[in-house]
Amino acid sequence: MSKFTASRISQGNSVFPNIINISEKGVTLQMPSLFGGKEQTIHFDKISGVDIETPMVGFSTIKISSVGIDVIVASGFTKADVLEMRRLILK
């Protein structure tokens, strides 16, 4: 399992940064909060596309789309992190 944590200095991640876990079954986005948080999972057989945005300055964003209506969008990662996530998801 690979785990990627958003930078605490990125917008929206200062107190409880987003975490993306990539396991042998799929991709899980954990959005922690003071009272529990949210978790969203897309299994590999349901993933229809992976898009990344890597600006020249700032943090990168990854968008993982599924065959249904589920979409995982997470930002605050380094360019190297989103490239590695895309590689792991599409292999």
PDB file of N, CA and C in Angstrom:
ATOM      1  N   MET A   1       0.837  -1.168   0.000  1.00  0.00           N
ATOM      2  CA  MET A   1       0.000   0.000   0.000  1.00  0.00           C
ATOM      3  C   MET A   1       0.886   1.237   0.000  1.00  0.00           C
ATOM      4  N   SER A   2       0.512   2.213  -0.805  1.00  0.00           N
ATOM      5  CA  SER A   2       1.230   3.486  -0.857  1.00  0.00           C
ATOM      6  C   SER A   2       0.351   4.571  -0.249  1.00  0.00           C
ATOM      7  N   LYS A   3       0.969   5.432   0.533  1.00  0.00           N
ATOM      8  CA  LYS A   3       0.240   6.493   1.225  1.00  0.00           C
ATOM      9  C   LYS A   3       0.856   7.838   0.874  1.00  0.00           C
ATOM     10  N   PHE A   4       0.002   8.797   0.482  1.00  0.00           N
ATOM     11  CA  PHE A   4       0.442  10.135   0.119  1.00  0.00           C
ATOM     12  C   PHE A   4      -0.348  11.141   0.950  1.00  0.00           C
ATOM     13  N   THR A   5       0.357  12.051   1.608  1.00  0.00           N
ATOM     14  CA  THR A   5      -0.281  13.058   2.459  1.00  0.00           C
ATOM     15  C   THR A   5      -0.049  14.440   1.868  1.00  0.00           C
ATOM     16  N   ALA A   6      -1.121  15.222   1.784  1.00  0.00           N
ATOM     17  CA  ALA A   6      -1.023  16.578   1.255  1.00  0.00           C
ATOM     18  C   ALA A   6      -0.183  17.447   2.185  1.00  0.00           C
ATOM     19  N   SER A   7       0.435  18.452   1.614  1.00  0.00           N
ATOM     20  CA  SER A   7       1.263  19.374   2.384  1.00  0.00           C
ATOM     21  C   SER A   7       0.395  20.223   3.307  1.00  0.00           C
ATOM     22  N   ARG A   8       0.862  20.426   4.512  1.00  0.00           N
ATOM     23  CA  ARG A   8       0.117  21.243   5.476  1.00  0.00           C
ATOM     24  C   ARG A   8       0.124  22.731   5.108  1.00  0.00           C
ATOM     25  N   ILE A   9       1.035  23.138   4.247  1.00  0.00           N
ATOM     26  CA  ILE A   9       1.063  24.554   3.883  1.00  0.00           C
ATOM     27  C   ILE A   9       0.188  24.851   2.664  1.00  0.00           C
ATOM     28  N   SER A  10      -0.457  23.833   2.104  1.00  0.00           N
ATOM     29  CA  SER A  10      -1.350  24.047   0.971  1.00  0.00           C
ATOM     30  C   SER A  10      -2.735  24.446   1.476  1.00  0.00           C
ATOM     31  N   GLN A  11      -3.476  25.137   0.636  1.00  0.00           N
ATOM     32  CA  GLN A  11      -4.791  25.642   1.006  1.00  0.00           C
ATOM     33  C   GLN A  11      -5.749  24.494   1.336  1.00  0.00           C
ATOM     34  N   GLY A  12      -6.424  24.594   2.477  1.00  0.00           N
ATOM     35  CA  GLY A  12      -7.406  23.603   2.883  1.00  0.00           C
ATOM     36  C   GLY A  12      -6.833  22.393   3.593  1.00  0.00           C
ATOM     37  N   ASN A  13      -5.530  22.308   3.747  1.00  0.00           N
ATOM     38  CA  ASN A  13      -4.911  21.135   4.362  1.00  0.00           C
ATOM     39  C   ASN A  13      -4.082  21.480   5.602  1.00  0.00           C
ATOM     40  N   SER A  14      -4.210  22.687   6.136  1.00  0.00           N
ATOM     41  CA  SER A  14      -3.314  23.126   7.204  1.00  0.00           C
ATOM     42  C   SER A  14      -3.506  22.359   8.508  1.00  0.00           C
ATOM     43  N   VAL A  15      -4.737  22.079   8.904  1.00  0.00           N
ATOM     44  CA  VAL A  15      -4.977  21.388  10.174  1.00  0.00           C
ATOM     45  C   VAL A  15      -5.101  19.882   9.967  1.00  0.00           C
ATOM     46  N   PHE A  16      -5.933  19.491   9.015  1.00  0.00           N
ATOM     47  CA  PHE A  16      -6.167  18.072   8.733  1.00  0.00           C
ATOM     48  C   PHE A  16      -5.910  17.813   7.252  1.00  0.00           C
ATOM     49  N   PRO A  17      -4.680  17.466   6.874  1.00  0.00           N
ATOM     50  CA  PRO A  17      -4.377  17.272   5.450  1.00  0.00           C
ATOM     51  C   PRO A  17      -5.038  16.017   4.873  1.00  0.00           C
ATOM     52  N   ASN A  18      -5.401  16.107   3.595  1.00  0.00           N
ATOM     53  CA  ASN A  18      -5.966  14.956   2.891  1.00  0.00           C
ATOM     54  C   ASN A  18      -4.910  13.871   2.737  1.00  0.00           C
ATOM     55  N   ILE A  19      -5.379  12.621   2.734  1.00  0.00           N
ATOM     56  CA  ILE A  19      -4.490  11.468   2.579  1.00  0.00           C
ATOM     57  C   ILE A  19      -5.051  10.583   1.473  1.00  0.00           C
ATOM     58  N   ILE A  20      -4.198  10.173   0.548  1.00  0.00           N
ATOM     59  CA  ILE A  20      -4.597   9.216  -0.491  1.00  0.00           C
ATOM     60  C   ILE A  20      -3.830   7.925  -0.252  1.00  0.00           C
ATOM     61  N   ASN A  21      -4.580   6.832  -0.129  1.00  0.00           N
ATOM     62  CA  ASN A  21      -4.005   5.497   0.014  1.00  0.00           C
ATOM     63  C   ASN A  21      -4.286   4.726  -1.270  1.00  0.00           C
ATOM     64  N   ILE A  22      -3.255   4.119  -1.824  1.00  0.00           N
ATOM     65  CA  ILE A  22      -3.410   3.273  -3.009  1.00  0.00           C
ATOM     66  C   ILE A  22      -3.056   1.860  -2.585  1.00  0.00           C
ATOM     67  N   SER A  23      -4.061   0.981  -2.591  1.00  0.00           N
ATOM     68  CA  SER A  23      -3.866  -0.409  -2.188  1.00  0.00           C
ATOM     69  C   SER A  23      -4.000  -1.305  -3.407  1.00  0.00           C
ATOM     70  N   GLU A  24      -3.963  -2.607  -3.185  1.00  0.00           N
ATOM     71  CA  GLU A  24      -4.117  -3.550  -4.293  1.00  0.00           C
ATOM     72  C   GLU A  24      -5.549  -3.574  -4.828  1.00  0.00           C
ATOM     73  N   LYS A  25      -6.507  -3.020  -4.076  1.00  0.00           N
ATOM     74  CA  LYS A  25      -7.912  -3.033  -4.500  1.00  0.00           C
ATOM     75  C   LYS A  25      -8.378  -1.745  -5.139  1.00  0.00           C
ATOM     76  N   GLY A  26      -7.794  -0.604  -4.724  1.00  0.00           N
ATOM     77  CA  GLY A  26      -8.256   0.664  -5.260  1.00  0.00           C
ATOM     78  C   GLY A  26      -7.615   1.856  -4.595  1.00  0.00           C
ATOM     79  N   VAL A  27      -8.275   3.016  -4.785  1.00  0.00           N
ATOM     80  CA  VAL A  27      -7.770   4.289  -4.286  1.00  0.00           C
ATOM     81  C   VAL A  27      -8.753   4.822  -3.248  1.00  0.00           C
ATOM     82  N   THR A  28      -8.225   5.248  -2.095  1.00  0.00           N
ATOM     83  CA  THR A  28      -9.058   5.797  -1.030  1.00  0.00           C
ATOM     84  C   THR A  28      -8.559   7.188  -0.678  1.00  0.00           C
ATOM     85  N   LEU A  29      -9.493   8.137  -0.648  1.00  0.00           N
ATOM     86  CA  LEU A  29      -9.197   9.497  -0.198  1.00  0.00           C
ATOM     87  C   LEU A  29      -9.765   9.649   1.197  1.00  0.00           C
ATOM     88  N   GLN A  30      -8.904  10.009   2.143  1.00  0.00           N
ATOM     89  CA  GLN A  30      -9.333  10.270   3.509  1.00  0.00           C
ATOM     90  C   GLN A  30      -9.271  11.774   3.742  1.00  0.00           C
ATOM     91  N   MET A  31     -10.402  12.335   4.193  1.00  0.00           N
ATOM     92  CA  MET A  31     -10.490  13.754   4.493  1.00  0.00           C
ATOM     93  C   MET A  31     -10.787  13.897   5.976  1.00  0.00           C
ATOM     94  N   PRO A  32      -9.742  13.892   6.815  1.00  0.00           N
ATOM     95  CA  PRO A  32      -9.959  13.961   8.255  1.00  0.00           C
ATOM     96  C   PRO A  32     -10.524  15.319   8.678  1.00  0.00           C
ATOM     97  N   SER A  33     -11.242  15.306   9.795  1.00  0.00           N
ATOM     98  CA  SER A  33     -11.742  16.541  10.381  1.00  0.00           C
ATOM     99  C   SER A  33     -11.795  16.375  11.888  1.00  0.00           C
ATOM    100  N   LEU A  34     -12.188  17.406  12.564  1.00  0.00           N
ATOM    101  CA  LEU A  34     -12.227  17.383  14.022  1.00  0.00           C
ATOM    102  C   LEU A  34     -13.187  16.317  14.539  1.00  0.00           C
ATOM    103  N   PHE A  35     -14.292  16.132  13.855  1.00  0.00           N
ATOM    104  CA  PHE A  35     -15.294  15.157  14.277  1.00  0.00           C
ATOM    105  C   PHE A  35     -15.454  14.049  13.243  1.00  0.00           C
ATOM    106  N   GLY A  36     -14.461  13.187  13.106  1.00  0.00           N
ATOM    107  CA  GLY A  36     -14.563  12.015  12.239  1.00  0.00           C
ATOM    108  C   GLY A  36     -13.913  12.166  10.891  1.00  0.00           C
ATOM    109  N   GLY A  37     -14.547  12.885   9.997  1.00  0.00           N
ATOM    110  CA  GLY A  37     -14.021  13.041   8.654  1.00  0.00           C
ATOM    111  C   GLY A  37     -14.790  12.203   7.656  1.00  0.00           C
ATOM    112  N   LYS A  38     -14.312  12.214   6.422  1.00  0.00           N
ATOM    113  CA  LYS A  38     -14.950  11.476   5.335  1.00  0.00           C
ATOM    114  C   LYS A  38     -13.916  10.583   4.665  1.00  0.00           C
ATOM    115  N   GLU A  39     -14.422   9.547   4.025  1.00  0.00           N
ATOM    116  CA  GLU A  39     -13.565   8.632   3.275  1.00  0.00           C
ATOM    117  C   GLU A  39     -14.296   8.244   2.004  1.00  0.00           C
ATOM    118  N   GLN A  40     -13.571   8.217   0.897  1.00  0.00           N
ATOM    119  CA  GLN A  40     -14.144   7.871  -0.401  1.00  0.00           C
ATOM    120  C   GLN A  40     -13.213   6.900  -1.100  1.00  0.00           C
ATOM    121  N   THR A  41     -13.767   5.797  -1.603  1.00  0.00           N
ATOM    122  CA  THR A  41     -12.963   4.762  -2.251  1.00  0.00           C
ATOM    123  C   THR A  41     -13.491   4.486  -3.652  1.00  0.00           C
ATOM    124  N   ILE A  42     -12.565   4.320  -4.598  1.00  0.00           N
ATOM    125  CA  ILE A  42     -12.905   3.862  -5.947  1.00  0.00           C
ATOM    126  C   ILE A  42     -12.029   2.652  -6.232  1.00  0.00           C
ATOM    127  N   HIS A  43     -12.661   1.524  -6.571  1.00  0.00           N
ATOM    128  CA  HIS A  43     -11.928   0.308  -6.898  1.00  0.00           C
ATOM    129  C   HIS A  43     -11.319   0.436  -8.293  1.00  0.00           C
ATOM    130  N   PHE A  44     -10.187  -0.237  -8.507  1.00  0.00           N
ATOM    131  CA  PHE A  44      -9.457  -0.128  -9.775  1.00  0.00           C
ATOM    132  C   PHE A  44     -10.321  -0.489 -10.986  1.00  0.00           C
ATOM    133  N   ASP A  45     -11.198  -1.474 -10.853  1.00  0.00           N
ATOM    134  CA  ASP A  45     -12.013  -1.871 -12.011  1.00  0.00           C
ATOM    135  C   ASP A  45     -13.068  -0.830 -12.368  1.00  0.00           C
ATOM    136  N   LYS A  46     -13.270   0.171 -11.514  1.00  0.00           N
ATOM    137  CA  LYS A  46     -14.254   1.232 -11.775  1.00  0.00           C
ATOM    138  C   LYS A  46     -13.600   2.543 -12.218  1.00  0.00           C
ATOM    139  N   ILE A  47     -12.271   2.620 -12.199  1.00  0.00           N
ATOM    140  CA  ILE A  47     -11.576   3.860 -12.571  1.00  0.00           C
ATOM    141  C   ILE A  47     -11.593   4.029 -14.086  1.00  0.00           C
ATOM    142  N   SER A  48     -12.070   5.208 -14.532  1.00  0.00           N
ATOM    143  CA  SER A  48     -12.139   5.470 -15.969  1.00  0.00           C
ATOM    144  C   SER A  48     -11.090   6.475 -16.432  1.00  0.00           C
ATOM    145  N   GLY A  49     -10.505   7.230 -15.513  1.00  0.00           N
ATOM    146  CA  GLY A  49      -9.492   8.192 -15.918  1.00  0.00           C
ATOM    147  C   GLY A  49      -8.799   8.834 -14.737  1.00  0.00           C
ATOM    148  N   VAL A  50      -7.570   9.286 -14.987  1.00  0.00           N
ATOM    149  CA  VAL A  50      -6.777   9.992 -13.975  1.00  0.00           C
ATOM    150  C   VAL A  50      -6.216  11.240 -14.639  1.00  0.00           C
ATOM    151  N   ASP A  51      -6.587  12.407 -14.098  1.00  0.00           N
ATOM    152  CA  ASP A  51      -6.085  13.679 -14.606  1.00  0.00           C
ATOM    153  C   ASP A  51      -5.275  14.347 -13.505  1.00  0.00           C
ATOM    154  N   ILE A  52      -4.190  15.005 -13.905  1.00  0.00           N
ATOM    155  CA  ILE A  52      -3.391  15.741 -12.930  1.00  0.00           C
ATOM    156  C   ILE A  52      -3.168  17.157 -13.429  1.00  0.00           C
ATOM    157  N   GLU A  53      -3.056  18.078 -12.486  1.00  0.00           N
ATOM    158  CA  GLU A  53      -2.707  19.463 -12.776  1.00  0.00           C
ATOM    159  C   GLU A  53      -1.436  19.769 -12.005  1.00  0.00           C
ATOM    160  N   THR A  54      -0.393  20.158 -12.731  1.00  0.00           N
ATOM    161  CA  THR A  54       0.889  20.464 -12.096  1.00  0.00           C
ATOM    162  C   THR A  54       1.312  21.864 -12.499  1.00  0.00           C
ATOM    163  N   PRO A  55       0.900  22.875 -11.742  1.00  0.00           N
ATOM    164  CA  PRO A  55       1.275  24.250 -12.089  1.00  0.00           C
ATOM    165  C   PRO A  55       2.769  24.498 -11.888  1.00  0.00           C
ATOM    166  N   MET A  56       3.269  25.538 -12.518  1.00  0.00           N
ATOM    167  CA  MET A  56       4.683  25.890 -12.379  1.00  0.00           C
ATOM    168  C   MET A  56       5.004  26.277 -10.929  1.00  0.00           C
ATOM    169  N   VAL A  57       4.070  26.955 -10.285  1.00  0.00           N
ATOM    170  CA  VAL A  57       4.244  27.385  -8.902  1.00  0.00           C
ATOM    171  C   VAL A  57       3.046  26.892  -8.109  1.00  0.00           C
ATOM    172  N   GLY A  58       3.291  26.293  -6.976  1.00  0.00           N
ATOM    173  CA  GLY A  58       2.195  25.831  -6.139  1.00  0.00           C
ATOM    174  C   GLY A  58       2.106  24.320  -6.119  1.00  0.00           C
ATOM    175  N   PHE A  59       1.013  23.854  -5.545  1.00  0.00           N
ATOM    176  CA  PHE A  59       0.826  22.424  -5.348  1.00  0.00           C
ATOM    177  C   PHE A  59      -0.025  21.820  -6.453  1.00  0.00           C
ATOM    178  N   SER A  60       0.137  20.522  -6.648  1.00  0.00           N
ATOM    179  CA  SER A  60      -0.547  19.806  -7.716  1.00  0.00           C
ATOM    180  C   SER A  60      -1.856  19.197  -7.241  1.00  0.00           C
ATOM    181  N   THR A  61      -2.726  18.897  -8.211  1.00  0.00           N
ATOM    182  CA  THR A  61      -4.037  18.316  -7.962  1.00  0.00           C
ATOM    183  C   THR A  61      -4.181  17.046  -8.774  1.00  0.00           C
ATOM    184  N   ILE A  62      -4.839  16.044  -8.195  1.00  0.00           N
ATOM    185  CA  ILE A  62      -5.151  14.810  -8.912  1.00  0.00           C
ATOM    186  C   ILE A  62      -6.659  14.609  -8.904  1.00  0.00           C
ATOM    187  N   LYS A  63      -7.190  14.168 -10.039  1.00  0.00           N
ATOM    188  CA  LYS A  63      -8.622  13.910 -10.191  1.00  0.00           C
ATOM    189  C   LYS A  63      -8.776  12.498 -10.737  1.00  0.00           C
ATOM    190  N   ILE A  64      -9.440  11.643  -9.963  1.00  0.00           N
ATOM    191  CA  ILE A  64      -9.634  10.243 -10.348  1.00  0.00           C
ATOM    192  C   ILE A  64     -11.123  10.045 -10.600  1.00  0.00           C
ATOM    193  N   SER A  65     -11.474   9.701 -11.839  1.00  0.00           N
ATOM    194  CA  SER A  65     -12.878   9.531 -12.233  1.00  0.00           C
ATOM    195  C   SER A  65     -13.233   8.054 -12.301  1.00  0.00           C
ATOM    196  N   SER A  66     -14.495   7.759 -11.997  1.00  0.00           N
ATOM    197  CA  SER A  66     -14.953   6.379 -12.073  1.00  0.00           C
ATOM    198  C   SER A  66     -15.994   6.235 -13.171  1.00  0.00           C
ATOM    199  N   VAL A  67     -16.351   4.998 -13.461  1.00  0.00           N
ATOM    200  CA  VAL A  67     -17.335   4.702 -14.484  1.00  0.00           C
ATOM    201  C   VAL A  67     -18.692   5.293 -14.089  1.00  0.00           C
ATOM    202  N   GLY A  68     -18.989   5.296 -12.804  1.00  0.00           N
ATOM    203  CA  GLY A  68     -20.242   5.866 -12.298  1.00  0.00           C
ATOM    204  C   GLY A  68     -20.120   7.363 -12.124  1.00  0.00           C
ATOM    205  N   ILE A  69     -20.602   7.866 -11.006  1.00  0.00           N
ATOM    206  CA  ILE A  69     -20.584   9.302 -10.765  1.00  0.00           C
ATOM    207  C   ILE A  69     -19.516   9.724  -9.762  1.00  0.00           C
ATOM    208  N   ASP A  70     -18.798   8.769  -9.193  1.00  0.00           N
ATOM    209  CA  ASP A  70     -17.790   9.097  -8.190  1.00  0.00           C
ATOM    210  C   ASP A  70     -16.563   9.742  -8.819  1.00  0.00           C
ATOM    211  N   VAL A  71     -16.081  10.777  -8.162  1.00  0.00           N
ATOM    212  CA  VAL A  71     -14.853  11.453  -8.576  1.00  0.00           C
ATOM    213  C   VAL A  71     -14.091  11.807  -7.304  1.00  0.00           C
ATOM    214  N   ILE A  72     -12.819  11.487  -7.296  1.00  0.00           N
ATOM    215  CA  ILE A  72     -11.948  11.887  -6.192  1.00  0.00           C
ATOM    216  C   ILE A  72     -11.093  13.038  -6.703  1.00  0.00           C
ATOM    217  N   VAL A  73     -11.165  14.166  -6.002  1.00  0.00           N
ATOM    218  CA  VAL A  73     -10.338  15.318  -6.335  1.00  0.00           C
ATOM    219  C   VAL A  73      -9.590  15.708  -5.070  1.00  0.00           C
ATOM    220  N   ALA A  74      -8.276  15.749  -5.158  1.00  0.00           N
ATOM    221  CA  ALA A  74      -7.460  16.111  -4.003  1.00  0.00           C
ATOM    222  C   ALA A  74      -6.313  16.997  -4.461  1.00  0.00           C
ATOM    223  N   SER A  75      -6.020  18.016  -3.656  1.00  0.00           N
ATOM    224  CA  SER A  75      -4.928  18.925  -3.998  1.00  0.00           C
ATOM    225  C   SER A  75      -3.997  19.082  -2.807  1.00  0.00           C
ATOM    226  N   GLY A  76      -2.868  19.717  -3.069  1.00  0.00           N
ATOM    227  CA  GLY A  76      -1.896  19.958  -2.014  1.00  0.00           C
ATOM    228  C   GLY A  76      -0.718  19.012  -2.052  1.00  0.00           C
ATOM    229  N   PHE A  77      -0.556  18.296  -3.152  1.00  0.00           N
ATOM    230  CA  PHE A  77       0.523  17.319  -3.285  1.00  0.00           C
ATOM    231  C   PHE A  77       1.632  17.884  -4.163  1.00  0.00           C
ATOM    232  N   THR A  78       2.821  17.337  -4.017  1.00  0.00           N
ATOM    233  CA  THR A  78       3.922  17.744  -4.880  1.00  0.00           C
ATOM    234  C   THR A  78       3.728  17.135  -6.270  1.00  0.00           C
ATOM    235  N   LYS A  79       4.426  17.700  -7.236  1.00  0.00           N
ATOM    236  CA  LYS A  79       4.347  17.180  -8.607  1.00  0.00           C
ATOM    237  C   LYS A  79       4.812  15.727  -8.650  1.00  0.00           C
ATOM    238  N   ALA A  80       5.879  15.413  -7.925  1.00  0.00           N
ATOM    239  CA  ALA A  80       6.389  14.040  -7.888  1.00  0.00           C
ATOM    240  C   ALA A  80       5.356  13.083  -7.306  1.00  0.00           C
ATOM    241  N   ASP A  81       4.625  13.526  -6.276  1.00  0.00           N
ATOM    242  CA  ASP A  81       3.595  12.682  -5.669  1.00  0.00           C
ATOM    243  C   ASP A  81       2.470  12.362  -6.647  1.00  0.00           C
ATOM    244  N   VAL A  82       1.938  13.378  -7.351  1.00  0.00           N
ATOM    245  CA  VAL A  82       0.821  13.103  -8.262  1.00  0.00           C
ATOM    246  C   VAL A  82       1.268  12.270  -9.455  1.00  0.00           C
ATOM    247  N   LEU A  83       2.492  12.455  -9.920  1.00  0.00           N
ATOM    248  CA  LEU A  83       2.995  11.613 -11.011  1.00  0.00           C
ATOM    249  C   LEU A  83       3.130  10.159 -10.559  1.00  0.00           C
ATOM    250  N   GLU A  84       3.601   9.951  -9.336  1.00  0.00           N
ATOM    251  CA  GLU A  84       3.728   8.592  -8.795  1.00  0.00           C
ATOM    252  C   GLU A  84       2.347   7.972  -8.563  1.00  0.00           C
ATOM    253  N   MET A  85       1.388   8.759  -8.064  1.00  0.00           N
ATOM    254  CA  MET A  85       0.027   8.242  -7.874  1.00  0.00           C
ATOM    255  C   MET A  85      -0.565   7.793  -9.208  1.00  0.00           C
ATOM    256  N   ARG A  86      -0.426   8.634 -10.233  1.00  0.00           N
ATOM    257  CA  ARG A  86      -0.963   8.280 -11.553  1.00  0.00           C
ATOM    258  C   ARG A  86      -0.304   7.010 -12.081  1.00  0.00           C
ATOM    259  N   ARG A  87       1.015   6.884 -11.898  1.00  0.00           N
ATOM    260  CA  ARG A  87       1.718   5.689 -12.352  1.00  0.00           C
ATOM    261  C   ARG A  87       1.193   4.447 -11.641  1.00  0.00           C
ATOM    262  N   LEU A  88       1.001   4.528 -10.329  1.00  0.00           N
ATOM    263  CA  LEU A  88       0.521   3.371  -9.557  1.00  0.00           C
ATOM    264  C   LEU A  88      -0.912   2.995  -9.942  1.00  0.00           C
ATOM    265  N   ILE A  89      -1.739   3.987 -10.207  1.00  0.00           N
ATOM    266  CA  ILE A  89      -3.139   3.715 -10.530  1.00  0.00           C
ATOM    267  C   ILE A  89      -3.271   3.110 -11.924  1.00  0.00           C
ATOM    268  N   LEU A  90      -2.484   3.599 -12.868  1.00  0.00           N
ATOM    269  CA  LEU A  90      -2.629   3.148 -14.264  1.00  0.00           C
ATOM    270  C   LEU A  90      -1.816   1.915 -14.619  1.00  0.00           C
ATOM    271  N   LYS A  91      -1.026   1.386 -13.687  1.00  0.00           N
ATOM    272  CA  LYS A  91      -0.195   0.219 -14.054  1.00  0.00           C
ATOM    273  C   LYS A  91      -0.991  -1.049 -14.172  1.00  0.00           C
TER     274      LYS A  91
END
